[in-house]
N, C-alpha and C. Protein backbone atom coordinates (compact mmCIF):
# COMPACT_ATOMS: atom_id res chain seq x y z
N MET A 1 -123.47 -142.08 -37.73
CA MET A 1 -122.21 -142.70 -37.38
C MET A 1 -122.25 -143.02 -35.89
N GLU A 2 -121.83 -144.23 -35.56
CA GLU A 2 -121.78 -144.63 -34.16
C GLU A 2 -120.33 -144.73 -33.70
N LEU A 3 -120.06 -144.11 -32.55
CA LEU A 3 -118.73 -144.16 -31.97
C LEU A 3 -118.75 -145.12 -30.80
N LEU A 4 -117.82 -146.03 -30.76
CA LEU A 4 -117.69 -146.96 -29.64
C LEU A 4 -116.35 -146.67 -28.98
N PHE A 5 -116.40 -146.36 -27.68
CA PHE A 5 -115.20 -146.06 -26.93
C PHE A 5 -114.71 -147.31 -26.23
N ASP A 6 -113.45 -147.31 -25.84
CA ASP A 6 -112.87 -148.50 -25.22
C ASP A 6 -113.45 -148.78 -23.83
N ASN A 7 -114.27 -147.87 -23.30
CA ASN A 7 -114.95 -148.13 -22.03
C ASN A 7 -116.40 -148.57 -22.26
N ASP A 8 -116.72 -148.98 -23.50
CA ASP A 8 -118.03 -149.50 -23.91
C ASP A 8 -119.13 -148.45 -23.99
N VAL A 9 -118.83 -147.18 -23.89
CA VAL A 9 -119.82 -146.13 -24.12
C VAL A 9 -119.99 -145.96 -25.62
N ARG A 10 -121.24 -145.80 -26.05
CA ARG A 10 -121.55 -145.59 -27.46
C ARG A 10 -122.22 -144.24 -27.63
N LEU A 11 -121.78 -143.49 -28.64
CA LEU A 11 -122.42 -142.24 -29.01
C LEU A 11 -122.82 -142.33 -30.47
N THR A 12 -123.99 -141.84 -30.79
CA THR A 12 -124.44 -141.80 -32.17
C THR A 12 -124.34 -140.36 -32.66
N ILE A 13 -123.66 -140.18 -33.77
CA ILE A 13 -123.44 -138.88 -34.37
C ILE A 13 -124.19 -138.86 -35.71
N GLY A 14 -124.83 -137.74 -36.03
CA GLY A 14 -125.59 -137.61 -37.27
C GLY A 14 -124.75 -137.89 -38.51
N SER A 15 -125.40 -138.30 -39.57
CA SER A 15 -124.70 -138.71 -40.79
C SER A 15 -124.02 -137.55 -41.52
N SER A 16 -124.33 -136.31 -41.17
CA SER A 16 -123.69 -135.17 -41.83
C SER A 16 -122.27 -134.93 -41.31
N TRP A 17 -121.90 -135.60 -40.22
CA TRP A 17 -120.56 -135.44 -39.65
C TRP A 17 -119.59 -136.40 -40.32
N GLN A 18 -118.35 -135.95 -40.50
CA GLN A 18 -117.32 -136.75 -41.13
C GLN A 18 -116.25 -137.10 -40.09
N PRO A 19 -115.81 -138.36 -40.04
CA PRO A 19 -114.71 -138.71 -39.13
C PRO A 19 -113.41 -138.05 -39.59
N LEU A 20 -112.63 -137.60 -38.62
CA LEU A 20 -111.32 -136.99 -38.89
C LEU A 20 -110.26 -137.75 -38.11
N ASN A 21 -109.02 -137.53 -38.44
CA ASN A 21 -107.92 -138.21 -37.75
C ASN A 21 -107.60 -137.49 -36.44
N ALA A 22 -107.41 -138.27 -35.40
CA ALA A 22 -106.96 -137.72 -34.13
C ALA A 22 -105.49 -137.37 -34.25
N MET A 23 -105.06 -136.44 -33.41
CA MET A 23 -103.65 -136.05 -33.38
C MET A 23 -102.88 -137.02 -32.48
N PRO A 24 -101.59 -137.20 -32.72
CA PRO A 24 -100.81 -138.14 -31.88
C PRO A 24 -100.85 -137.79 -30.39
N GLU A 25 -100.97 -136.51 -30.04
CA GLU A 25 -100.99 -136.10 -28.63
C GLU A 25 -102.38 -136.18 -28.00
N ASP A 26 -103.40 -136.53 -28.77
CA ASP A 26 -104.75 -136.67 -28.20
C ASP A 26 -104.79 -137.85 -27.23
N PRO A 27 -105.68 -137.79 -26.25
CA PRO A 27 -105.81 -138.91 -25.30
C PRO A 27 -106.15 -140.22 -26.02
N PRO A 28 -105.78 -141.35 -25.45
CA PRO A 28 -106.12 -142.64 -26.05
C PRO A 28 -107.64 -142.77 -26.24
N GLY A 29 -108.04 -143.36 -27.33
CA GLY A 29 -109.45 -143.60 -27.60
C GLY A 29 -110.19 -142.38 -28.13
N THR A 30 -109.47 -141.35 -28.56
CA THR A 30 -110.11 -140.13 -29.06
C THR A 30 -110.78 -140.37 -30.41
N HIS A 31 -111.98 -139.84 -30.55
CA HIS A 31 -112.69 -139.79 -31.83
C HIS A 31 -112.84 -138.32 -32.19
N VAL A 32 -112.54 -137.99 -33.44
CA VAL A 32 -112.64 -136.62 -33.92
C VAL A 32 -113.55 -136.61 -35.14
N PHE A 33 -114.42 -135.61 -35.22
CA PHE A 33 -115.29 -135.49 -36.37
C PHE A 33 -115.62 -134.03 -36.62
N GLY A 34 -116.05 -133.73 -37.84
CA GLY A 34 -116.33 -132.35 -38.18
C GLY A 34 -117.29 -132.26 -39.34
N LYS A 35 -117.72 -131.03 -39.59
CA LYS A 35 -118.54 -130.75 -40.76
C LYS A 35 -118.50 -129.26 -41.04
N ALA A 36 -118.83 -128.91 -42.27
CA ALA A 36 -118.90 -127.52 -42.67
C ALA A 36 -120.23 -127.29 -43.36
N THR A 37 -120.84 -126.16 -43.05
CA THR A 37 -122.06 -125.75 -43.72
C THR A 37 -121.81 -124.37 -44.31
N GLU A 38 -122.80 -123.80 -44.92
CA GLU A 38 -122.67 -122.46 -45.50
C GLU A 38 -122.33 -121.42 -44.43
N ASN A 39 -122.78 -121.64 -43.20
CA ASN A 39 -122.61 -120.65 -42.13
C ASN A 39 -121.73 -121.10 -40.98
N CYS A 40 -121.15 -122.31 -41.06
CA CYS A 40 -120.48 -122.83 -39.88
C CYS A 40 -119.41 -123.86 -40.23
N GLU A 41 -118.30 -123.79 -39.47
CA GLU A 41 -117.30 -124.86 -39.48
C GLU A 41 -117.33 -125.48 -38.09
N CYS A 42 -117.43 -126.81 -38.05
CA CYS A 42 -117.59 -127.51 -36.78
C CYS A 42 -116.48 -128.55 -36.61
N PHE A 43 -115.95 -128.61 -35.41
CA PHE A 43 -114.90 -129.57 -35.09
C PHE A 43 -115.18 -130.08 -33.68
N VAL A 44 -115.25 -131.40 -33.52
CA VAL A 44 -115.56 -132.00 -32.22
C VAL A 44 -114.57 -133.13 -31.95
N SER A 45 -114.08 -133.14 -30.73
CA SER A 45 -113.19 -134.20 -30.26
C SER A 45 -113.79 -134.80 -29.00
N THR A 46 -113.78 -136.11 -28.91
CA THR A 46 -114.35 -136.77 -27.75
C THR A 46 -113.51 -137.98 -27.38
N HIS A 47 -113.42 -138.23 -26.08
CA HIS A 47 -112.62 -139.35 -25.62
C HIS A 47 -113.12 -139.82 -24.26
N PRO A 48 -112.83 -141.08 -23.90
CA PRO A 48 -113.24 -141.58 -22.59
C PRO A 48 -112.42 -140.92 -21.48
N ILE A 49 -113.05 -140.70 -20.33
CA ILE A 49 -112.36 -140.18 -19.15
C ILE A 49 -112.85 -140.93 -17.92
N ASP A 50 -112.12 -140.83 -16.87
CA ASP A 50 -112.54 -141.39 -15.59
C ASP A 50 -113.67 -140.52 -15.03
N VAL A 51 -114.68 -141.13 -14.47
CA VAL A 51 -115.84 -140.42 -13.94
C VAL A 51 -115.43 -139.34 -12.94
N LYS A 52 -114.36 -139.57 -12.19
CA LYS A 52 -113.95 -138.60 -11.17
C LYS A 52 -113.47 -137.28 -11.78
N TYR A 53 -113.22 -137.24 -13.09
CA TYR A 53 -112.76 -136.02 -13.74
C TYR A 53 -113.87 -135.26 -14.48
N THR A 54 -115.10 -135.72 -14.37
CA THR A 54 -116.21 -135.03 -15.04
C THR A 54 -116.61 -133.77 -14.27
N MET A 55 -117.29 -132.88 -14.99
CA MET A 55 -117.87 -131.72 -14.32
C MET A 55 -118.93 -132.20 -13.34
N GLN A 56 -119.28 -131.37 -12.38
CA GLN A 56 -120.26 -131.77 -11.37
C GLN A 56 -121.67 -131.69 -11.94
N PHE A 57 -122.29 -132.82 -12.07
CA PHE A 57 -123.63 -132.90 -12.64
C PHE A 57 -124.68 -132.29 -11.72
N ASP A 58 -124.46 -132.39 -10.43
CA ASP A 58 -125.46 -131.94 -9.46
C ASP A 58 -125.21 -130.52 -8.95
N ASN A 59 -124.23 -129.81 -9.53
CA ASN A 59 -123.95 -128.46 -9.06
C ASN A 59 -123.60 -127.54 -10.23
N PRO A 60 -124.59 -127.24 -11.09
CA PRO A 60 -124.32 -126.36 -12.23
C PRO A 60 -123.83 -124.97 -11.79
N GLN A 61 -124.27 -124.50 -10.62
CA GLN A 61 -123.86 -123.18 -10.17
C GLN A 61 -122.34 -123.10 -9.98
N GLU A 62 -121.73 -124.18 -9.54
CA GLU A 62 -120.27 -124.19 -9.40
C GLU A 62 -119.60 -124.09 -10.77
N ILE A 63 -120.16 -124.73 -11.76
CA ILE A 63 -119.63 -124.64 -13.13
C ILE A 63 -119.78 -123.21 -13.63
N ILE A 64 -120.94 -122.62 -13.43
CA ILE A 64 -121.20 -121.24 -13.85
C ILE A 64 -120.19 -120.29 -13.21
N SER A 65 -120.00 -120.42 -11.91
CA SER A 65 -119.06 -119.56 -11.19
C SER A 65 -117.63 -119.73 -11.72
N GLY A 66 -117.24 -120.96 -11.96
CA GLY A 66 -115.90 -121.22 -12.49
C GLY A 66 -115.71 -120.61 -13.87
N ILE A 67 -116.71 -120.72 -14.72
CA ILE A 67 -116.62 -120.14 -16.06
C ILE A 67 -116.55 -118.62 -15.96
N HIS A 68 -117.42 -118.02 -15.14
CA HIS A 68 -117.38 -116.57 -14.98
C HIS A 68 -115.99 -116.09 -14.57
N GLU A 69 -115.34 -116.79 -13.68
CA GLU A 69 -114.01 -116.40 -13.21
C GLU A 69 -112.95 -116.55 -14.32
N ALA A 70 -113.14 -117.46 -15.23
CA ALA A 70 -112.12 -117.76 -16.23
C ALA A 70 -112.31 -117.02 -17.56
N LEU A 71 -113.45 -116.37 -17.77
CA LEU A 71 -113.72 -115.72 -19.05
C LEU A 71 -112.73 -114.61 -19.36
N ALA A 72 -112.27 -114.59 -20.60
CA ALA A 72 -111.45 -113.48 -21.09
C ALA A 72 -112.39 -112.35 -21.50
N GLY A 73 -111.84 -111.20 -21.81
CA GLY A 73 -112.65 -110.04 -22.18
C GLY A 73 -113.47 -110.22 -23.44
N ASN A 74 -113.04 -111.12 -24.32
CA ASN A 74 -113.76 -111.38 -25.57
C ASN A 74 -114.62 -112.65 -25.51
N GLN A 75 -114.96 -113.08 -24.28
CA GLN A 75 -115.77 -114.28 -24.12
C GLN A 75 -117.01 -114.01 -23.27
N ALA A 76 -118.04 -114.82 -23.51
CA ALA A 76 -119.28 -114.70 -22.74
C ALA A 76 -119.88 -116.09 -22.52
N LEU A 77 -120.49 -116.26 -21.38
CA LEU A 77 -121.18 -117.52 -21.07
C LEU A 77 -122.56 -117.49 -21.71
N ILE A 78 -122.87 -118.56 -22.44
CA ILE A 78 -124.16 -118.69 -23.09
C ILE A 78 -125.09 -119.61 -22.30
N GLU A 79 -124.57 -120.78 -21.88
CA GLU A 79 -125.48 -121.74 -21.25
C GLU A 79 -124.70 -122.80 -20.48
N VAL A 80 -125.30 -123.23 -19.38
CA VAL A 80 -124.85 -124.40 -18.63
C VAL A 80 -126.10 -125.22 -18.33
N LYS A 81 -126.07 -126.49 -18.68
CA LYS A 81 -127.22 -127.37 -18.40
C LYS A 81 -126.73 -128.71 -17.90
N SER A 82 -127.56 -129.29 -17.05
CA SER A 82 -127.27 -130.62 -16.51
C SER A 82 -128.55 -131.44 -16.55
N ASN A 83 -128.39 -132.72 -16.82
CA ASN A 83 -129.54 -133.62 -16.85
C ASN A 83 -129.11 -134.96 -16.26
N VAL A 84 -129.81 -135.41 -15.25
CA VAL A 84 -129.49 -136.68 -14.60
C VAL A 84 -130.74 -137.55 -14.64
N THR A 85 -130.57 -138.77 -15.17
CA THR A 85 -131.65 -139.75 -15.16
C THR A 85 -131.14 -141.01 -14.47
N SER A 86 -131.99 -142.00 -14.34
CA SER A 86 -131.56 -143.26 -13.73
C SER A 86 -130.56 -143.99 -14.63
N GLU A 87 -130.55 -143.69 -15.93
CA GLU A 87 -129.67 -144.37 -16.89
C GLU A 87 -128.36 -143.63 -17.14
N SER A 88 -128.40 -142.29 -17.08
CA SER A 88 -127.21 -141.53 -17.48
C SER A 88 -127.19 -140.14 -16.85
N LYS A 89 -126.03 -139.49 -17.02
CA LYS A 89 -125.85 -138.11 -16.58
C LYS A 89 -125.19 -137.35 -17.72
N MET A 90 -125.57 -136.07 -17.85
CA MET A 90 -124.99 -135.23 -18.88
C MET A 90 -124.91 -133.82 -18.33
N VAL A 91 -123.81 -133.14 -18.59
CA VAL A 91 -123.66 -131.73 -18.23
C VAL A 91 -122.85 -131.06 -19.33
N TYR A 92 -123.24 -129.82 -19.68
CA TYR A 92 -122.48 -129.12 -20.70
C TYR A 92 -122.49 -127.62 -20.45
N SER A 93 -121.52 -126.97 -21.07
CA SER A 93 -121.47 -125.51 -21.08
C SER A 93 -121.18 -125.05 -22.50
N ILE A 94 -121.68 -123.85 -22.81
CA ILE A 94 -121.38 -123.21 -24.09
C ILE A 94 -120.87 -121.80 -23.80
N VAL A 95 -119.70 -121.50 -24.35
CA VAL A 95 -119.08 -120.19 -24.20
C VAL A 95 -118.83 -119.65 -25.60
N LYS A 96 -119.09 -118.35 -25.79
CA LYS A 96 -118.77 -117.76 -27.09
C LYS A 96 -117.50 -116.92 -26.96
N THR A 97 -116.77 -116.88 -28.07
CA THR A 97 -115.55 -116.09 -28.16
C THR A 97 -115.63 -115.23 -29.41
N GLN A 98 -115.45 -113.94 -29.24
CA GLN A 98 -115.43 -113.02 -30.36
C GLN A 98 -114.15 -113.24 -31.16
N GLN A 99 -114.29 -113.43 -32.46
CA GLN A 99 -113.15 -113.69 -33.34
C GLN A 99 -112.71 -112.40 -34.03
N GLN A 100 -111.47 -112.38 -34.48
CA GLN A 100 -110.96 -111.23 -35.22
C GLN A 100 -110.70 -111.65 -36.65
N PRO A 101 -111.08 -110.94 -37.65
CA PRO A 101 -111.64 -109.60 -37.58
C PRO A 101 -113.14 -109.57 -37.33
N SER A 102 -113.84 -110.69 -37.51
CA SER A 102 -115.28 -110.70 -37.29
C SER A 102 -115.75 -112.11 -36.98
N GLY A 103 -116.97 -112.22 -36.53
CA GLY A 103 -117.58 -113.52 -36.27
C GLY A 103 -117.39 -113.98 -34.84
N VAL A 104 -118.03 -115.09 -34.56
CA VAL A 104 -118.06 -115.67 -33.22
C VAL A 104 -117.79 -117.16 -33.33
N GLN A 105 -117.10 -117.69 -32.33
CA GLN A 105 -116.93 -119.14 -32.19
C GLN A 105 -117.59 -119.55 -30.88
N TYR A 106 -118.38 -120.61 -30.94
CA TYR A 106 -119.02 -121.17 -29.75
C TYR A 106 -118.27 -122.45 -29.38
N SER A 107 -117.89 -122.57 -28.13
CA SER A 107 -117.24 -123.80 -27.68
C SER A 107 -118.17 -124.55 -26.75
N LEU A 108 -118.31 -125.81 -27.01
CA LEU A 108 -119.15 -126.71 -26.23
C LEU A 108 -118.25 -127.65 -25.46
N THR A 109 -118.45 -127.73 -24.15
CA THR A 109 -117.75 -128.69 -23.31
C THR A 109 -118.81 -129.56 -22.65
N MET A 110 -118.72 -130.86 -22.84
CA MET A 110 -119.77 -131.76 -22.35
C MET A 110 -119.16 -133.02 -21.74
N ASP A 111 -119.74 -133.44 -20.63
CA ASP A 111 -119.40 -134.72 -20.04
C ASP A 111 -120.65 -135.58 -19.98
N ILE A 112 -120.50 -136.84 -20.34
CA ILE A 112 -121.61 -137.80 -20.34
C ILE A 112 -121.17 -139.02 -19.56
N VAL A 113 -122.04 -139.50 -18.66
CA VAL A 113 -121.76 -140.72 -17.91
C VAL A 113 -122.91 -141.70 -18.15
N VAL A 114 -122.54 -142.91 -18.54
CA VAL A 114 -123.50 -143.99 -18.73
C VAL A 114 -122.96 -145.19 -17.96
N LYS A 115 -123.71 -145.67 -16.99
CA LYS A 115 -123.31 -146.84 -16.20
C LYS A 115 -121.89 -146.70 -15.64
N ASN A 116 -121.62 -145.57 -15.02
CA ASN A 116 -120.33 -145.28 -14.39
C ASN A 116 -119.15 -145.27 -15.35
N ARG A 117 -119.42 -145.02 -16.61
CA ARG A 117 -118.37 -144.84 -17.61
C ARG A 117 -118.58 -143.47 -18.25
N ALA A 118 -117.51 -142.71 -18.41
CA ALA A 118 -117.65 -141.32 -18.85
C ALA A 118 -116.95 -141.04 -20.18
N VAL A 119 -117.50 -140.04 -20.87
CA VAL A 119 -116.94 -139.54 -22.11
C VAL A 119 -116.93 -138.02 -22.02
N HIS A 120 -115.82 -137.42 -22.46
CA HIS A 120 -115.69 -135.96 -22.50
C HIS A 120 -115.74 -135.52 -23.96
N LEU A 121 -116.49 -134.47 -24.22
CA LEU A 121 -116.64 -133.96 -25.57
C LEU A 121 -116.28 -132.48 -25.57
N GLN A 122 -115.47 -132.06 -26.54
CA GLN A 122 -115.12 -130.65 -26.70
C GLN A 122 -115.36 -130.29 -28.16
N GLY A 123 -116.21 -129.28 -28.39
CA GLY A 123 -116.53 -128.89 -29.76
C GLY A 123 -116.34 -127.41 -29.99
N PHE A 124 -115.99 -127.07 -31.23
CA PHE A 124 -115.81 -125.68 -31.63
C PHE A 124 -116.65 -125.43 -32.87
N PHE A 125 -117.50 -124.41 -32.82
CA PHE A 125 -118.47 -124.13 -33.86
C PHE A 125 -118.31 -122.66 -34.25
N SER A 126 -117.73 -122.42 -35.43
CA SER A 126 -117.35 -121.07 -35.85
C SER A 126 -118.22 -120.56 -36.97
N GLU A 127 -118.59 -119.27 -36.88
CA GLU A 127 -119.32 -118.61 -37.96
C GLU A 127 -118.42 -118.51 -39.19
N THR A 128 -118.99 -118.75 -40.35
CA THR A 128 -118.28 -118.57 -41.62
C THR A 128 -119.20 -117.84 -42.57
N GLY A 129 -118.65 -117.39 -43.67
CA GLY A 129 -119.46 -116.66 -44.65
C GLY A 129 -119.90 -115.32 -44.08
N THR A 130 -121.09 -114.91 -44.42
CA THR A 130 -121.64 -113.65 -43.92
C THR A 130 -122.04 -113.86 -42.47
N THR A 131 -121.37 -113.17 -41.56
CA THR A 131 -121.63 -113.34 -40.13
C THR A 131 -122.67 -112.33 -39.65
N GLY A 132 -123.30 -112.64 -38.51
CA GLY A 132 -124.23 -111.71 -37.88
C GLY A 132 -125.65 -111.75 -38.39
N GLN A 133 -125.98 -112.69 -39.27
CA GLN A 133 -127.33 -112.75 -39.83
C GLN A 133 -128.37 -113.05 -38.75
N ARG A 134 -128.08 -113.98 -37.86
CA ARG A 134 -129.01 -114.31 -36.78
C ARG A 134 -129.19 -113.09 -35.88
N ASP A 135 -128.08 -112.44 -35.52
CA ASP A 135 -128.15 -111.25 -34.67
C ASP A 135 -129.04 -110.18 -35.29
N ALA A 136 -128.82 -109.88 -36.57
CA ALA A 136 -129.57 -108.82 -37.24
C ALA A 136 -131.07 -109.13 -37.30
N ALA A 137 -131.40 -110.36 -37.65
CA ALA A 137 -132.82 -110.72 -37.77
C ALA A 137 -133.53 -110.69 -36.41
N VAL A 138 -132.88 -111.24 -35.39
CA VAL A 138 -133.50 -111.28 -34.07
C VAL A 138 -133.52 -109.88 -33.45
N TYR A 139 -132.48 -109.09 -33.68
CA TYR A 139 -132.49 -107.72 -33.17
C TYR A 139 -133.72 -106.98 -33.68
N GLU A 140 -133.97 -107.07 -34.97
CA GLU A 140 -135.12 -106.36 -35.53
C GLU A 140 -136.44 -106.89 -34.95
N LEU A 141 -136.55 -108.20 -34.79
CA LEU A 141 -137.75 -108.79 -34.19
C LEU A 141 -137.93 -108.31 -32.76
N GLU A 142 -136.86 -108.35 -31.97
CA GLU A 142 -136.92 -107.92 -30.57
C GLU A 142 -137.17 -106.40 -30.46
N ARG A 143 -136.64 -105.63 -31.40
CA ARG A 143 -136.88 -104.18 -31.41
C ARG A 143 -138.34 -103.88 -31.70
N GLN A 144 -138.89 -104.60 -32.68
CA GLN A 144 -140.30 -104.41 -33.01
C GLN A 144 -141.21 -104.81 -31.86
N ASN A 145 -140.78 -105.79 -31.06
CA ASN A 145 -141.56 -106.24 -29.90
C ASN A 145 -141.33 -105.37 -28.67
N GLY A 146 -140.45 -104.37 -28.79
CA GLY A 146 -140.20 -103.44 -27.69
C GLY A 146 -139.26 -103.96 -26.63
N ASN A 147 -138.51 -105.03 -26.92
CA ASN A 147 -137.59 -105.63 -25.94
C ASN A 147 -136.18 -105.06 -26.00
N VAL A 148 -135.88 -104.31 -27.06
CA VAL A 148 -134.56 -103.70 -27.23
C VAL A 148 -134.75 -102.36 -27.95
N THR A 149 -133.90 -101.39 -27.63
CA THR A 149 -134.03 -100.07 -28.25
C THR A 149 -133.13 -99.97 -29.47
N ILE A 150 -133.29 -98.90 -30.19
CA ILE A 150 -132.45 -98.65 -31.36
C ILE A 150 -130.99 -98.47 -30.95
N ASN A 151 -130.75 -98.11 -29.69
CA ASN A 151 -129.39 -97.98 -29.16
C ASN A 151 -128.88 -99.28 -28.52
N PHE A 152 -129.58 -100.37 -28.74
CA PHE A 152 -129.23 -101.71 -28.26
C PHE A 152 -129.43 -101.88 -26.74
N ASP A 153 -130.12 -100.96 -26.08
CA ASP A 153 -130.45 -101.16 -24.67
C ASP A 153 -131.33 -102.40 -24.55
N GLY A 154 -130.98 -103.32 -23.65
CA GLY A 154 -131.72 -104.56 -23.47
C GLY A 154 -131.25 -105.70 -24.35
N TRP A 155 -130.26 -105.47 -25.20
CA TRP A 155 -129.79 -106.49 -26.15
C TRP A 155 -128.86 -107.51 -25.50
N ASN A 156 -127.89 -107.05 -24.71
CA ASN A 156 -126.90 -107.92 -24.09
C ASN A 156 -127.26 -108.21 -22.64
N PHE A 157 -126.94 -109.43 -22.19
CA PHE A 157 -127.20 -109.82 -20.81
C PHE A 157 -126.37 -111.04 -20.46
N ASP A 158 -126.24 -111.30 -19.18
CA ASP A 158 -125.62 -112.54 -18.70
C ASP A 158 -126.77 -113.41 -18.19
N PRO A 159 -126.93 -114.61 -18.72
CA PRO A 159 -128.07 -115.44 -18.33
C PRO A 159 -128.05 -115.90 -16.88
N TYR A 160 -126.91 -115.75 -16.20
CA TYR A 160 -126.79 -116.23 -14.82
C TYR A 160 -126.42 -115.13 -13.83
N ASP A 161 -126.25 -113.91 -14.30
CA ASP A 161 -125.88 -112.81 -13.42
C ASP A 161 -126.48 -111.52 -13.97
N ALA A 162 -127.66 -111.17 -13.47
CA ALA A 162 -128.37 -109.98 -13.93
C ALA A 162 -127.58 -108.69 -13.66
N ASN A 163 -126.66 -108.72 -12.71
CA ASN A 163 -125.88 -107.53 -12.36
C ASN A 163 -124.52 -107.49 -13.05
N SER A 164 -124.27 -108.36 -13.99
CA SER A 164 -122.97 -108.43 -14.65
C SER A 164 -122.65 -107.09 -15.32
N GLN A 165 -121.44 -106.64 -15.12
CA GLN A 165 -120.96 -105.41 -15.75
C GLN A 165 -120.00 -105.71 -16.91
N ARG A 166 -119.88 -106.97 -17.27
CA ARG A 166 -118.99 -107.34 -18.37
C ARG A 166 -119.45 -106.63 -19.65
N GLN A 167 -118.49 -106.18 -20.42
CA GLN A 167 -118.81 -105.50 -21.66
C GLN A 167 -119.31 -106.49 -22.71
N TYR A 168 -118.68 -107.64 -22.80
CA TYR A 168 -119.05 -108.65 -23.80
C TYR A 168 -119.90 -109.71 -23.13
N ARG A 169 -121.17 -109.81 -23.55
CA ARG A 169 -122.10 -110.76 -22.95
C ARG A 169 -122.94 -111.43 -24.03
N MET A 170 -123.74 -112.37 -23.59
CA MET A 170 -124.72 -113.01 -24.46
C MET A 170 -125.67 -111.94 -24.99
N ASN A 171 -126.26 -112.18 -26.17
CA ASN A 171 -127.29 -111.27 -26.65
C ASN A 171 -128.59 -112.04 -26.88
N LEU A 172 -129.67 -111.30 -27.07
CA LEU A 172 -131.00 -111.92 -27.18
C LEU A 172 -131.09 -112.95 -28.30
N SER A 173 -130.33 -112.78 -29.37
CA SER A 173 -130.41 -113.73 -30.49
C SER A 173 -129.85 -115.10 -30.13
N GLU A 174 -129.08 -115.16 -29.05
CA GLU A 174 -128.44 -116.42 -28.68
C GLU A 174 -129.28 -117.27 -27.73
N GLN A 175 -130.53 -116.86 -27.52
CA GLN A 175 -131.44 -117.67 -26.72
C GLN A 175 -131.82 -118.93 -27.50
N GLU A 176 -131.97 -120.02 -26.77
CA GLU A 176 -132.27 -121.31 -27.40
C GLU A 176 -133.55 -121.26 -28.24
N LYS A 177 -134.49 -120.42 -27.87
CA LYS A 177 -135.77 -120.36 -28.60
C LYS A 177 -135.60 -119.95 -30.07
N TYR A 178 -134.45 -119.39 -30.43
CA TYR A 178 -134.21 -118.99 -31.82
C TYR A 178 -133.45 -120.03 -32.63
N ASP A 179 -133.02 -121.11 -32.02
CA ASP A 179 -132.24 -122.13 -32.73
C ASP A 179 -132.98 -122.70 -33.93
N ASN A 180 -134.28 -122.96 -33.78
CA ASN A 180 -135.04 -123.55 -34.88
C ASN A 180 -135.17 -122.62 -36.08
N MET A 181 -135.12 -121.31 -35.82
CA MET A 181 -135.20 -120.33 -36.92
C MET A 181 -133.90 -120.28 -37.72
N PHE A 182 -132.79 -120.70 -37.10
CA PHE A 182 -131.46 -120.62 -37.72
C PHE A 182 -130.73 -121.94 -37.55
N PRO A 183 -131.22 -123.02 -38.19
CA PRO A 183 -130.65 -124.35 -37.94
C PRO A 183 -129.20 -124.50 -38.39
N GLN A 184 -128.71 -123.65 -39.30
CA GLN A 184 -127.33 -123.76 -39.78
C GLN A 184 -126.37 -122.83 -39.02
N HIS A 185 -126.89 -122.08 -38.05
CA HIS A 185 -126.04 -121.20 -37.26
C HIS A 185 -125.18 -122.04 -36.33
N PRO A 186 -123.94 -121.64 -36.06
CA PRO A 186 -123.06 -122.46 -35.21
C PRO A 186 -123.61 -122.73 -33.81
N LEU A 187 -124.32 -121.77 -33.24
CA LEU A 187 -124.88 -122.00 -31.90
C LEU A 187 -125.99 -123.04 -31.96
N SER A 188 -126.81 -123.02 -32.98
CA SER A 188 -127.86 -124.04 -33.15
C SER A 188 -127.26 -125.42 -33.29
N ILE A 189 -126.20 -125.53 -34.07
CA ILE A 189 -125.54 -126.82 -34.28
C ILE A 189 -124.88 -127.30 -32.99
N ALA A 190 -124.25 -126.38 -32.26
CA ALA A 190 -123.65 -126.76 -30.99
C ALA A 190 -124.69 -127.34 -30.06
């Protein structure tokens, strides 16, 4: 599916995504789409924005610091990445939120600039069905490799602050290197 925004930016979305109706209060030009898999419910909203309102592409550390300051007790920073080429700029962050009674939701915030025209994307990717399968499988793999103890020592960490004392943090299973092993997991899809 191809999305064309009123500022002439085009985004191509995979065929597994379904278009949804935007809400009346959404910004003008909003495109909404979603999909559900056995392990994930996904909802993404995207709309054109003025370039001056995008995240800073050349200063990911400022984004990281801002996220760290804003995190609630049930949230953890997973990743911040930026990519700048001669044709375009892209920056995104992924934050996880612990859900009640169980499971995790990953939120993706992304800004894309093409030829001085920008698009903002906000996505929510929630675990459904039996949760924690990725965690359990990777925990056992990492335990067998000696990277984590039976008491979970070495399991949780902050990817940008080795001294973080936050109770809720990223865990080893949420590293990008495991995405291919769990393609239907919400973090992989995000």
